[in-house]
Amino acid sequence: MHTISVEGIQVYAYHGCLEEEGKIGGNYLVDVHMKTDFSEAALLDDLSKTIDYVDVYNIVREEMAIRAKLIEHVGKRIIDRINDKFKTVKKCKVKIIKLNPPMNGNVDRVSVTLES
C-alpha cells in the first residue's frame, strides 16, 4: 500500500454558520492523503496508472466553492468525490483548516479531519 498526498491546498471560501461568513468568506487550507497501490505507475512511469494530483486539486477547489455551514460537510463531499473518481483509493483522509475563525477569542485556526 502506498500514500499519495496533496497538502496545503489554499482556498478562499464562504463556509460557516454565521451570515457574515457567507458574505465575507475566509482562508482555508486542505490536505488530502490517499492510500492506494501505484506499483504499476512506478514501474511503467505512466500517469494513467496512478492518481493525478491535478484532479485531486480540482475536486477540492470545486467542493470548497460550494457554500456549506459546516466544513465537516465539505470534507465528506471531497472524500465522496475522490472515492467515486479513483476506484484504486483504499483509504482517504481529508483535513480542512479554517484560518482565523470568527470567534470571541484569539484563535489561529480550527480544523476537521475525516477518513474513509
PDB file of N, CA and C in Angstrom:
ATOM      1  N   MET A   1       0.847  -1.176   0.000  1.00  0.00           N
ATOM      2  CA  MET A   1       0.000   0.000   0.000  1.00  0.00           C
ATOM      3  C   MET A   1       0.896   1.244   0.000  1.00  0.00           C
ATOM      4  N   HIS A   2       0.524   2.227  -0.791  1.00  0.00           N
ATOM      5  CA  HIS A   2       1.285   3.465  -0.917  1.00  0.00           C
ATOM      6  C   HIS A   2       0.403   4.648  -0.538  1.00  0.00           C
ATOM      7  N   THR A   3       1.021   5.785  -0.310  1.00  0.00           N
ATOM      8  CA  THR A   3       0.285   7.006   0.022  1.00  0.00           C
ATOM      9  C   THR A   3       0.607   8.097  -0.976  1.00  0.00           C
ATOM     10  N   ILE A   4      -0.429   8.751  -1.453  1.00  0.00           N
ATOM     11  CA  ILE A   4      -0.297   9.964  -2.262  1.00  0.00           C
ATOM     12  C   ILE A   4      -0.935  11.079  -1.456  1.00  0.00           C
ATOM     13  N   SER A   5      -0.196  12.167  -1.275  1.00  0.00           N
ATOM     14  CA  SER A   5      -0.696  13.302  -0.513  1.00  0.00           C
ATOM     15  C   SER A   5      -0.643  14.570  -1.353  1.00  0.00           C
ATOM     16  N   VAL A   6      -1.693  15.360  -1.253  1.00  0.00           N
ATOM     17  CA  VAL A   6      -1.729  16.704  -1.829  1.00  0.00           C
ATOM     18  C   VAL A   6      -2.020  17.614  -0.639  1.00  0.00           C
ATOM     19  N   GLU A   7      -1.041  18.405  -0.253  1.00  0.00           N
ATOM     20  CA  GLU A   7      -1.134  19.146   1.004  1.00  0.00           C
ATOM     21  C   GLU A   7      -1.038  20.654   0.789  1.00  0.00           C
ATOM     22  N   GLY A   8      -1.706  21.374   1.687  1.00  0.00           N
ATOM     23  CA  GLY A   8      -1.616  22.830   1.674  1.00  0.00           C
ATOM     24  C   GLY A   8      -2.355  23.488   0.530  1.00  0.00           C
ATOM     25  N   ILE A   9      -3.447  22.875   0.088  1.00  0.00           N
ATOM     26  CA  ILE A   9      -4.256  23.492  -0.966  1.00  0.00           C
ATOM     27  C   ILE A   9      -4.898  24.743  -0.366  1.00  0.00           C
ATOM     28  N   GLN A  10      -4.579  25.902  -0.917  1.00  0.00           N
ATOM     29  CA  GLN A  10      -5.075  27.167  -0.389  1.00  0.00           C
ATOM     30  C   GLN A  10      -6.337  27.580  -1.132  1.00  0.00           C
ATOM     31  N   VAL A  11      -7.379  27.875  -0.346  1.00  0.00           N
ATOM     32  CA  VAL A  11      -8.675  28.198  -0.926  1.00  0.00           C
ATOM     33  C   VAL A  11      -9.298  29.356  -0.149  1.00  0.00           C
ATOM     34  N   TYR A  12      -9.950  30.240  -0.860  1.00  0.00           N
ATOM     35  CA  TYR A  12     -10.793  31.263  -0.225  1.00  0.00           C
ATOM     36  C   TYR A  12     -12.225  30.803  -0.432  1.00  0.00           C
ATOM     37  N   ALA A  13     -12.961  30.629   0.665  1.00  0.00           N
ATOM     38  CA  ALA A  13     -14.312  30.070   0.560  1.00  0.00           C
ATOM     39  C   ALA A  13     -15.246  30.740   1.565  1.00  0.00           C
ATOM     40  N   TYR A  14     -16.520  30.378   1.493  1.00  0.00           N
ATOM     41  CA  TYR A  14     -17.579  31.068   2.232  1.00  0.00           C
ATOM     42  C   TYR A  14     -18.370  30.132   3.134  1.00  0.00           C
ATOM     43  N   HIS A  15     -17.671  29.329   3.920  1.00  0.00           N
ATOM     44  CA  HIS A  15     -18.330  28.373   4.800  1.00  0.00           C
ATOM     45  C   HIS A  15     -18.513  28.960   6.195  1.00  0.00           C
ATOM     46  N   GLY A  16     -19.559  28.505   6.859  1.00  0.00           N
ATOM     47  CA  GLY A  16     -19.770  28.912   8.235  1.00  0.00           C
ATOM     48  C   GLY A  16     -21.236  29.098   8.548  1.00  0.00           C
ATOM     49  N   CYS A  17     -21.558  29.022   9.824  1.00  0.00           N
ATOM     50  CA  CYS A  17     -22.937  29.170  10.279  1.00  0.00           C
ATOM     51  C   CYS A  17     -23.365  30.637  10.364  1.00  0.00           C
ATOM     52  N   LEU A  18     -22.399  31.532  10.475  1.00  0.00           N
ATOM     53  CA  LEU A  18     -22.724  32.952  10.571  1.00  0.00           C
ATOM     54  C   LEU A  18     -23.013  33.536   9.190  1.00  0.00           C
ATOM     55  N   GLU A  19     -24.001  34.404   9.129  1.00  0.00           N
ATOM     56  CA  GLU A  19     -24.376  35.035   7.858  1.00  0.00           C
ATOM     57  C   GLU A  19     -23.206  35.808   7.253  1.00  0.00           C
ATOM     58  N   GLU A  20     -22.425  36.461   8.119  1.00  0.00           N
ATOM     59  CA  GLU A  20     -21.276  37.243   7.645  1.00  0.00           C
ATOM     60  C   GLU A  20     -20.251  36.381   6.919  1.00  0.00           C
ATOM     61  N   GLU A  21     -20.098  35.129   7.371  1.00  0.00           N
ATOM     62  CA  GLU A  21     -19.124  34.234   6.734  1.00  0.00           C
ATOM     63  C   GLU A  21     -19.511  33.950   5.292  1.00  0.00           C
ATOM     64  N   GLY A  22     -20.817  33.919   5.022  1.00  0.00           N
ATOM     65  CA  GLY A  22     -21.287  33.704   3.661  1.00  0.00           C
ATOM     66  C   GLY A  22     -21.046  34.896   2.761  1.00  0.00           C
ATOM     67  N   LYS A  23     -20.886  36.068   3.362  1.00  0.00           N
ATOM     68  CA  LYS A  23     -20.646  37.288   2.584  1.00  0.00           C
ATOM     69  C   LYS A  23     -19.165  37.628   2.484  1.00  0.00           C
ATOM     70  N   ILE A  24     -18.461  37.493   3.604  1.00  0.00           N
ATOM     71  CA  ILE A  24     -17.060  37.910   3.680  1.00  0.00           C
ATOM     72  C   ILE A  24     -16.119  36.787   3.259  1.00  0.00           C
ATOM     73  N   GLY A  25     -16.405  35.565   3.681  1.00  0.00           N
ATOM     74  CA  GLY A  25     -15.544  34.432   3.370  1.00  0.00           C
ATOM     75  C   GLY A  25     -14.302  34.396   4.232  1.00  0.00           C
ATOM     76  N   GLY A  26     -13.440  33.438   3.948  1.00  0.00           N
ATOM     77  CA  GLY A  26     -12.214  33.289   4.716  1.00  0.00           C
ATOM     78  C   GLY A  26     -11.235  32.357   4.034  1.00  0.00           C
ATOM     79  N   ASN A  27     -10.046  32.284   4.600  1.00  0.00           N
ATOM     80  CA  ASN A  27      -8.977  31.446   4.054  1.00  0.00           C
ATOM     81  C   ASN A  27      -8.994  30.057   4.677  1.00  0.00           C
ATOM     82  N   TYR A  28      -8.754  29.065   3.829  1.00  0.00           N
ATOM     83  CA  TYR A  28      -8.733  27.663   4.238  1.00  0.00           C
ATOM     84  C   TYR A  28      -7.509  26.979   3.648  1.00  0.00           C
ATOM     85  N   LEU A  29      -7.071  25.935   4.336  1.00  0.00           N
ATOM     86  CA  LEU A  29      -6.057  25.021   3.818  1.00  0.00           C
ATOM     87  C   LEU A  29      -6.651  23.625   3.840  1.00  0.00           C
ATOM     88  N   VAL A  30      -6.366  22.848   2.806  1.00  0.00           N
ATOM     89  CA  VAL A  30      -6.894  21.485   2.728  1.00  0.00           C
ATOM     90  C   VAL A  30      -5.747  20.530   2.417  1.00  0.00           C
ATOM     91  N   ASP A  31      -5.699  19.434   3.189  1.00  0.00           N
ATOM     92  CA  ASP A  31      -4.741  18.359   2.952  1.00  0.00           C
ATOM     93  C   ASP A  31      -5.519  17.099   2.598  1.00  0.00           C
ATOM     94  N   VAL A  32      -5.045  16.374   1.585  1.00  0.00           N
ATOM     95  CA  VAL A  32      -5.675  15.122   1.173  1.00  0.00           C
ATOM     96  C   VAL A  32      -4.607  14.032   1.141  1.00  0.00           C
ATOM     97  N   HIS A  33      -4.890  12.911   1.807  1.00  0.00           N
ATOM     98  CA  HIS A  33      -3.989  11.755   1.819  1.00  0.00           C
ATOM     99  C   HIS A  33      -4.782  10.540   1.340  1.00  0.00           C
ATOM    100  N   MET A  34      -4.245   9.841   0.350  1.00  0.00           N
ATOM    101  CA  MET A  34      -4.927   8.686  -0.231  1.00  0.00           C
ATOM    102  C   MET A  34      -4.030   7.462  -0.189  1.00  0.00           C
ATOM    103  N   LYS A  35      -4.576   6.365   0.318  1.00  0.00           N
ATOM    104  CA  LYS A  35      -3.879   5.083   0.306  1.00  0.00           C
ATOM    105  C   LYS A  35      -4.289   4.353  -0.968  1.00  0.00           C
ATOM    106  N   THR A  36      -3.297   3.903  -1.705  1.00  0.00           N
ATOM    107  CA  THR A  36      -3.543   3.238  -2.979  1.00  0.00           C
ATOM    108  C   THR A  36      -2.335   2.367  -3.309  1.00  0.00           C
ATOM    109  N   ASP A  37      -2.391   1.702  -4.428  1.00  0.00           N
ATOM    110  CA  ASP A  37      -1.251   0.925  -4.914  1.00  0.00           C
ATOM    111  C   ASP A  37      -0.828   1.523  -6.251  1.00  0.00           C
ATOM    112  N   PHE A  38       0.310   2.195  -6.256  1.00  0.00           N
ATOM    113  CA  PHE A  38       0.791   2.771  -7.511  1.00  0.00           C
ATOM    114  C   PHE A  38       2.038   2.051  -8.040  1.00  0.00           C
ATOM    115  N   SER A  39       2.148   0.759  -7.721  1.00  0.00           N
ATOM    116  CA  SER A  39       3.290  -0.041  -8.169  1.00  0.00           C
ATOM    117  C   SER A  39       3.443  -0.027  -9.685  1.00  0.00           C
ATOM    118  N   GLU A  40       2.321  -0.201 -10.382  1.00  0.00           N
ATOM    119  CA  GLU A  40       2.371  -0.243 -11.852  1.00  0.00           C
ATOM    120  C   GLU A  40       2.816   1.106 -12.418  1.00  0.00           C
ATOM    121  N   ALA A  41       2.324   2.199 -11.841  1.00  0.00           N
ATOM    122  CA  ALA A  41       2.727   3.531 -12.299  1.00  0.00           C
ATOM    123  C   ALA A  41       4.223   3.749 -12.073  1.00  0.00           C
ATOM    124  N   ALA A  42       4.712   3.308 -10.928  1.00  0.00           N
ATOM    125  CA  ALA A  42       6.139   3.459 -10.630  1.00  0.00           C
ATOM    126  C   ALA A  42       7.000   2.638 -11.584  1.00  0.00           C
ATOM    127  N   LEU A  43       6.525   1.451 -11.898  1.00  0.00           N
ATOM    128  CA  LEU A  43       7.269   0.573 -12.801  1.00  0.00           C
ATOM    129  C   LEU A  43       7.270   1.095 -14.234  1.00  0.00           C
ATOM    130  N   LEU A  44       6.097   1.534 -14.702  1.00  0.00           N
ATOM    131  CA  LEU A  44       5.938   1.922 -16.104  1.00  0.00           C
ATOM    132  C   LEU A  44       6.133   3.415 -16.372  1.00  0.00           C
ATOM    133  N   ASP A  45       6.232   4.226 -15.298  1.00  0.00           N
ATOM    134  CA  ASP A  45       6.336   5.682 -15.449  1.00  0.00           C
ATOM    135  C   ASP A  45       5.141   6.218 -16.241  1.00  0.00           C
ATOM    136  N   ASP A  46       3.930   5.797 -15.803  1.00  0.00           N
ATOM    137  CA  ASP A  46       2.704   6.072 -16.543  1.00  0.00           C
ATOM    138  C   ASP A  46       1.673   6.740 -15.626  1.00  0.00           C
ATOM    139  N   LEU A  47       1.362   7.998 -15.907  1.00  0.00           N
ATOM    140  CA  LEU A  47       0.419   8.770 -15.096  1.00  0.00           C
ATOM    141  C   LEU A  47      -0.967   8.139 -15.057  1.00  0.00           C
ATOM    142  N   SER A  48      -1.366   7.479 -16.134  1.00  0.00           N
ATOM    143  CA  SER A  48      -2.710   6.889 -16.174  1.00  0.00           C
ATOM    144  C   SER A  48      -2.871   5.720 -15.196  1.00  0.00           C
ATOM    145  N   LYS A  49      -1.771   5.249 -14.615  1.00  0.00           N
ATOM    146  CA  LYS A  49      -1.810   4.122 -13.676  1.00  0.00           C
ATOM    147  C   LYS A  49      -1.804   4.575 -12.213  1.00  0.00           C
ATOM    148  N   THR A  50      -1.969   5.876 -12.000  1.00  0.00           N
ATOM    149  CA  THR A  50      -1.961   6.411 -10.638  1.00  0.00           C
ATOM    150  C   THR A  50      -2.992   7.517 -10.521  1.00  0.00           C
ATOM    151  N   ILE A  51      -2.930   8.271  -9.448  1.00  0.00           N
ATOM    152  CA  ILE A  51      -3.868   9.367  -9.184  1.00  0.00           C
ATOM    153  C   ILE A  51      -3.196  10.674  -9.574  1.00  0.00           C
ATOM    154  N   ASP A  52      -3.834  11.418 -10.458  1.00  0.00           N
ATOM    155  CA  ASP A  52      -3.303  12.690 -10.923  1.00  0.00           C
ATOM    156  C   ASP A  52      -3.563  13.757  -9.858  1.00  0.00           C
ATOM    157  N   TYR A  53      -2.511  14.400  -9.378  1.00  0.00           N
ATOM    158  CA  TYR A  53      -2.643  15.424  -8.337  1.00  0.00           C
ATOM    159  C   TYR A  53      -3.552  16.568  -8.782  1.00  0.00           C
ATOM    160  N   VAL A  54      -3.511  16.881 -10.066  1.00  0.00           N
ATOM    161  CA  VAL A  54      -4.335  17.977 -10.590  1.00  0.00           C
ATOM    162  C   VAL A  54      -5.817  17.661 -10.421  1.00  0.00           C
ATOM    163  N   ASP A  55      -6.198  16.410 -10.635  1.00  0.00           N
ATOM    164  CA  ASP A  55      -7.597  16.017 -10.440  1.00  0.00           C
ATOM    165  C   ASP A  55      -8.013  16.170  -8.981  1.00  0.00           C
ATOM    166  N   VAL A  56      -7.143  15.803  -8.061  1.00  0.00           N
ATOM    167  CA  VAL A  56      -7.434  15.940  -6.630  1.00  0.00           C
ATOM    168  C   VAL A  56      -7.593  17.417  -6.287  1.00  0.00           C
ATOM    169  N   TYR A  57      -6.665  18.226  -6.751  1.00  0.00           N
ATOM    170  CA  TYR A  57      -6.717  19.675  -6.527  1.00  0.00           C
ATOM    171  C   TYR A  57      -8.040  20.250  -7.046  1.00  0.00           C
ATOM    172  N   ASN A  58      -8.429  19.862  -8.243  1.00  0.00           N
ATOM    173  CA  ASN A  58      -9.665  20.387  -8.835  1.00  0.00           C
ATOM    174  C   ASN A  58     -10.902  19.962  -8.044  1.00  0.00           C
ATOM    175  N   ILE A  59     -10.926  18.740  -7.564  1.00  0.00           N
ATOM    176  CA  ILE A  59     -12.049  18.279  -6.738  1.00  0.00           C
ATOM    177  C   ILE A  59     -12.153  19.143  -5.487  1.00  0.00           C
ATOM    178  N   VAL A  60     -11.030  19.378  -4.827  1.00  0.00           N
ATOM    179  CA  VAL A  60     -11.040  20.197  -3.614  1.00  0.00           C
ATOM    180  C   VAL A  60     -11.532  21.604  -3.929  1.00  0.00           C
ATOM    181  N   ARG A  61     -11.005  22.225  -4.958  1.00  0.00           N
ATOM    182  CA  ARG A  61     -11.416  23.598  -5.320  1.00  0.00           C
ATOM    183  C   ARG A  61     -12.911  23.656  -5.631  1.00  0.00           C
ATOM    184  N   GLU A  62     -13.415  22.685  -6.386  1.00  0.00           N
ATOM    185  CA  GLU A  62     -14.838  22.686  -6.752  1.00  0.00           C
ATOM    186  C   GLU A  62     -15.732  22.513  -5.531  1.00  0.00           C
ATOM    187  N   GLU A  63     -15.396  21.591  -4.653  1.00  0.00           N
ATOM    188  CA  GLU A  63     -16.231  21.357  -3.472  1.00  0.00           C
ATOM    189  C   GLU A  63     -16.133  22.501  -2.462  1.00  0.00           C
ATOM    190  N   MET A  64     -14.959  23.092  -2.329  1.00  0.00           N
ATOM    191  CA  MET A  64     -14.809  24.226  -1.423  1.00  0.00           C
ATOM    192  C   MET A  64     -15.565  25.458  -1.939  1.00  0.00           C
ATOM    193  N   ALA A  65     -15.841  25.510  -3.228  1.00  0.00           N
ATOM    194  CA  ALA A  65     -16.575  26.641  -3.813  1.00  0.00           C
ATOM    195  C   ALA A  65     -18.071  26.569  -3.537  1.00  0.00           C
ATOM    196  N   ILE A  66     -18.555  25.414  -3.081  1.00  0.00           N
ATOM    197  CA  ILE A  66     -19.984  25.249  -2.779  1.00  0.00           C
ATOM    198  C   ILE A  66     -20.181  25.542  -1.295  1.00  0.00           C
ATOM    199  N   ARG A  67     -20.890  26.613  -1.001  1.00  0.00           N
ATOM    200  CA  ARG A  67     -21.072  27.061   0.390  1.00  0.00           C
ATOM    201  C   ARG A  67     -21.751  26.001   1.241  1.00  0.00           C
ATOM    202  N   ALA A  68     -21.253  25.871   2.468  1.00  0.00           N
ATOM    203  CA  ALA A  68     -21.846  24.984   3.462  1.00  0.00           C
ATOM    204  C   ALA A  68     -21.721  25.648   4.830  1.00  0.00           C
ATOM    205  N   LYS A  69     -22.590  25.275   5.735  1.00  0.00           N
ATOM    206  CA  LYS A  69     -22.493  25.785   7.103  1.00  0.00           C
ATOM    207  C   LYS A  69     -21.304  25.148   7.818  1.00  0.00           C
ATOM    208  N   LEU A  70     -21.083  23.861   7.559  1.00  0.00           N
ATOM    209  CA  LEU A  70     -20.065  23.103   8.280  1.00  0.00           C
ATOM    210  C   LEU A  70     -18.960  22.614   7.350  1.00  0.00           C
ATOM    211  N   ILE A  71     -17.710  22.782   7.794  1.00  0.00           N
ATOM    212  CA  ILE A  71     -16.609  22.248   6.994  1.00  0.00           C
ATOM    213  C   ILE A  71     -16.594  20.724   7.067  1.00  0.00           C
ATOM    214  N   GLU A  72     -17.252  20.162   8.062  1.00  0.00           N
ATOM    215  CA  GLU A  72     -17.404  18.708   8.136  1.00  0.00           C
ATOM    216  C   GLU A  72     -18.155  18.191   6.898  1.00  0.00           C
ATOM    217  N   HIS A  73     -19.171  18.938   6.500  1.00  0.00           N
ATOM    218  CA  HIS A  73     -19.980  18.574   5.325  1.00  0.00           C
ATOM    219  C   HIS A  73     -19.136  18.666   4.047  1.00  0.00           C
ATOM    220  N   VAL A  74     -18.350  19.708   3.945  1.00  0.00           N
ATOM    221  CA  VAL A  74     -17.491  19.878   2.764  1.00  0.00           C
ATOM    222  C   VAL A  74     -16.465  18.749   2.692  1.00  0.00           C
ATOM    223  N   GLY A  75     -15.893  18.392   3.834  1.00  0.00           N
ATOM    224  CA  GLY A  75     -14.921  17.295   3.873  1.00  0.00           C
ATOM    225  C   GLY A  75     -15.514  15.985   3.393  1.00  0.00           C
ATOM    226  N   LYS A  76     -16.748  15.714   3.798  1.00  0.00           N
ATOM    227  CA  LYS A  76     -17.419  14.488   3.350  1.00  0.00           C
ATOM    228  C   LYS A  76     -17.634  14.506   1.844  1.00  0.00           C
ATOM    229  N   ARG A  77     -18.029  15.643   1.309  1.00  0.00           N
ATOM    230  CA  ARG A  77     -18.217  15.749  -0.146  1.00  0.00           C
ATOM    231  C   ARG A  77     -16.905  15.506  -0.884  1.00  0.00           C
ATOM    232  N   ILE A  78     -15.805  16.048  -0.370  1.00  0.00           N
ATOM    233  CA  ILE A  78     -14.499  15.850  -1.014  1.00  0.00           C
ATOM    234  C   ILE A  78     -14.130  14.367  -1.014  1.00  0.00           C
ATOM    235  N   ILE A  79     -14.269  13.713   0.125  1.00  0.00           N
ATOM    236  CA  ILE A  79     -13.957  12.281   0.211  1.00  0.00           C
ATOM    237  C   ILE A  79     -14.837  11.475  -0.737  1.00  0.00           C
ATOM    238  N   ASP A  80     -16.125  11.772  -0.765  1.00  0.00           N
ATOM    239  CA  ASP A  80     -17.037  11.042  -1.654  1.00  0.00           C
ATOM    240  C   ASP A  80     -16.631  11.195  -3.115  1.00  0.00           C
ATOM    241  N   ARG A  81     -16.271  12.409  -3.525  1.00  0.00           N
ATOM    242  CA  ARG A  81     -15.862  12.626  -4.920  1.00  0.00           C
ATOM    243  C   ARG A  81     -14.566  11.893  -5.243  1.00  0.00           C
ATOM    244  N   ILE A  82     -13.614  11.923  -4.339  1.00  0.00           N
ATOM    245  CA  ILE A  82     -12.334  11.228  -4.573  1.00  0.00           C
ATOM    246  C   ILE A  82     -12.568   9.728  -4.683  1.00  0.00           C
ATOM    247  N   ASN A  83     -13.366   9.177  -3.776  1.00  0.00           N
ATOM    248  CA  ASN A  83     -13.645   7.737  -3.831  1.00  0.00           C
ATOM    249  C   ASN A  83     -14.417   7.351  -5.091  1.00  0.00           C
ATOM    250  N   ASP A  84     -15.292   8.227  -5.560  1.00  0.00           N
ATOM    251  CA  ASP A  84     -16.040   7.952  -6.800  1.00  0.00           C
ATOM    252  C   ASP A  84     -15.137   8.008  -8.029  1.00  0.00           C
ATOM    253  N   LYS A  85     -14.234   8.974  -8.066  1.00  0.00           N
ATOM    254  CA  LYS A  85     -13.391   9.166  -9.251  1.00  0.00           C
ATOM    255  C   LYS A  85     -12.247   8.161  -9.335  1.00  0.00           C
ATOM    256  N   PHE A  86     -11.655   7.839  -8.186  1.00  0.00           N
ATOM    257  CA  PHE A  86     -10.478   6.978  -8.170  1.00  0.00           C
ATOM    258  C   PHE A  86     -10.817   5.661  -7.483  1.00  0.00           C
ATOM    259  N   LYS A  87     -11.122   4.665  -8.249  1.00  0.00           N
ATOM    260  CA  LYS A  87     -11.526   3.361  -7.704  1.00  0.00           C
ATOM    261  C   LYS A  87     -10.383   2.638  -7.009  1.00  0.00           C
ATOM    262  N   THR A  88      -9.145   3.075  -7.246  1.00  0.00           N
ATOM    263  CA  THR A  88      -7.994   2.419  -6.622  1.00  0.00           C
ATOM    264  C   THR A  88      -7.710   2.943  -5.213  1.00  0.00           C
ATOM    265  N   VAL A  89      -8.406   3.993  -4.788  1.00  0.00           N
ATOM    266  CA  VAL A  89      -8.194   4.537  -3.446  1.00  0.00           C
ATOM    267  C   VAL A  89      -8.798   3.583  -2.420  1.00  0.00           C
ATOM    268  N   LYS A  90      -7.965   3.113  -1.512  1.00  0.00           N
ATOM    269  CA  LYS A  90      -8.425   2.201  -0.453  1.00  0.00           C
ATOM    270  C   LYS A  90      -8.850   2.968   0.791  1.00  0.00           C
ATOM    271  N   LYS A  91      -8.153   4.052   1.081  1.00  0.00           N
ATOM    272  CA  LYS A  91      -8.484   4.916   2.214  1.00  0.00           C
ATOM    273  C   LYS A  91      -8.213   6.351   1.802  1.00  0.00           C
ATOM    274  N   CYS A  92      -9.029   7.248   2.319  1.00  0.00           N
ATOM    275  CA  CYS A  92      -8.845   8.664   2.019  1.00  0.00           C
ATOM    276  C   CYS A  92      -8.992   9.451   3.316  1.00  0.00           C
ATOM    277  N   LYS A  93      -8.103  10.404   3.508  1.00  0.00           N
ATOM    278  CA  LYS A  93      -8.162  11.271   4.689  1.00  0.00           C
ATOM    279  C   LYS A  93      -8.088  12.719   4.218  1.00  0.00           C
ATOM    280  N   VAL A  94      -9.023  13.533   4.685  1.00  0.00           N
ATOM    281  CA  VAL A  94      -9.084  14.942   4.304  1.00  0.00           C
ATOM    282  C   VAL A  94      -9.075  15.781   5.574  1.00  0.00           C
ATOM    283  N   LYS A  95      -8.206  16.774   5.592  1.00  0.00           N
ATOM    284  CA  LYS A  95      -8.172  17.733   6.698  1.00  0.00           C
ATOM    285  C   LYS A  95      -8.452  19.113   6.134  1.00  0.00           C
ATOM    286  N   ILE A  96      -9.464  19.780   6.690  1.00  0.00           N
ATOM    287  CA  ILE A  96      -9.801  21.140   6.291  1.00  0.00           C
ATOM    288  C   ILE A  96      -9.488  22.057   7.469  1.00  0.00           C
ATOM    289  N   ILE A  97      -8.682  23.060   7.217  1.00  0.00           N
ATOM    290  CA  ILE A  97      -8.265  24.022   8.239  1.00  0.00           C
ATOM    291  C   ILE A  97      -8.874  25.381   7.892  1.00  0.00           C
ATOM    292  N   LYS A  98      -9.611  25.926   8.840  1.00  0.00           N
ATOM    293  CA  LYS A  98     -10.197  27.254   8.690  1.00  0.00           C
ATOM    294  C   LYS A  98      -9.295  28.223   9.445  1.00  0.00           C
ATOM    295  N   LEU A  99      -8.681  29.145   8.719  1.00  0.00           N
ATOM    296  CA  LEU A  99      -7.757  30.097   9.321  1.00  0.00           C
ATOM    297  C   LEU A  99      -8.515  31.300   9.887  1.00  0.00           C
ATOM    298  N   ASN A 100      -8.086  31.767  11.024  1.00  0.00           N
ATOM    299  CA  ASN A 100      -8.675  32.939  11.681  1.00  0.00           C
ATOM    300  C   ASN A 100     -10.200  32.869  11.767  1.00  0.00           C
ATOM    301  N   PRO A 101     -10.732  31.832  12.424  1.00  0.00           N
ATOM    302  CA  PRO A 101     -12.184  31.691  12.512  1.00  0.00           C
ATOM    303  C   PRO A 101     -12.797  32.819  13.350  1.00  0.00           C
ATOM    304  N   PRO A 102     -14.021  33.245  12.990  1.00  0.00           N
ATOM    305  CA  PRO A 102     -14.673  34.318  13.750  1.00  0.00           C
ATOM    306  C   PRO A 102     -15.180  33.788  15.094  1.00  0.00           C
ATOM    307  N   MET A 103     -14.407  34.038  16.132  1.00  0.00           N
ATOM    308  CA  MET A 103     -14.752  33.568  17.468  1.00  0.00           C
ATOM    309  C   MET A 103     -14.496  34.707  18.451  1.00  0.00           C
ATOM    310  N   ASN A 104     -15.055  34.588  19.617  1.00  0.00           N
ATOM    311  CA  ASN A 104     -14.783  35.561  20.671  1.00  0.00           C
ATOM    312  C   ASN A 104     -13.494  35.185  21.374  1.00  0.00           C
ATOM    313  N   GLY A 105     -12.406  35.292  20.648  1.00  0.00           N
ATOM    314  CA  GLY A 105     -11.107  34.939  21.194  1.00  0.00           C
ATOM    315  C   GLY A 105     -10.077  34.933  20.095  1.00  0.00           C
ATOM    316  N   ASN A 106      -8.827  34.864  20.488  1.00  0.00           N
ATOM    317  CA  ASN A 106      -7.729  34.869  19.537  1.00  0.00           C
ATOM    318  C   ASN A 106      -7.379  33.422  19.180  1.00  0.00           C
ATOM    319  N   VAL A 107      -7.887  32.947  18.041  1.00  0.00           N
ATOM    320  CA  VAL A 107      -7.677  31.569  17.597  1.00  0.00           C
ATOM    321  C   VAL A 107      -7.112  31.603  16.180  1.00  0.00           C
ATOM    322  N   ASP A 108      -5.965  30.968  15.989  1.00  0.00           N
ATOM    323  CA  ASP A 108      -5.327  30.937  14.669  1.00  0.00           C
ATOM    324  C   ASP A 108      -6.100  30.106  13.656  1.00  0.00           C
ATOM    325  N   ARG A 109      -6.607  28.953  14.128  1.00  0.00           N
ATOM    326  CA  ARG A 109      -7.234  28.026  13.183  1.00  0.00           C
ATOM    327  C   ARG A 109      -8.072  27.001  13.921  1.00  0.00           C
ATOM    328  N   VAL A 110      -9.032  26.462  13.196  1.00  0.00           N
ATOM    329  CA  VAL A 110      -9.771  25.280  13.618  1.00  0.00           C
ATOM    330  C   VAL A 110      -9.695  24.305  12.465  1.00  0.00           C
ATOM    331  N   SER A 111      -9.854  23.013  12.759  1.00  0.00           N
ATOM    332  CA  SER A 111      -9.780  22.042  11.671  1.00  0.00           C
ATOM    333  C   SER A 111     -10.649  20.850  11.962  1.00  0.00           C
ATOM    334  N   VAL A 112     -10.992  20.161  10.880  1.00  0.00           N
ATOM    335  CA  VAL A 112     -11.674  18.864  10.970  1.00  0.00           C
ATOM    336  C   VAL A 112     -10.899  17.883  10.099  1.00  0.00           C
ATOM    337  N   THR A 113     -10.890  16.630  10.520  1.00  0.00           N
ATOM    338  CA  THR A 113     -10.248  15.574   9.754  1.00  0.00           C
ATOM    339  C   THR A 113     -11.248  14.442   9.585  1.00  0.00           C
ATOM    340  N   LEU A 114     -11.452  14.035   8.346  1.00  0.00           N
ATOM    341  CA  LEU A 114     -12.364  12.951   8.024  1.00  0.00           C
ATOM    342  C   LEU A 114     -11.591  11.848   7.319  1.00  0.00           C
ATOM    343  N   GLU A 115     -12.016  10.608   7.544  1.00  0.00           N
ATOM    344  CA  GLU A 115     -11.375   9.461   6.891  1.00  0.00           C
ATOM    345  C   GLU A 115     -12.424   8.511   6.369  1.00  0.00           C
ATOM    346  N   SER A 116     -12.099   7.884   5.263  1.00  0.00           N
ATOM    347  CA  SER A 116     -12.995   6.846   4.739  1.00  0.00           C
ATOM    348  C   SER A 116     -12.235   5.534   4.678  1.00  0.00           C
TER     349      SER A 116
END
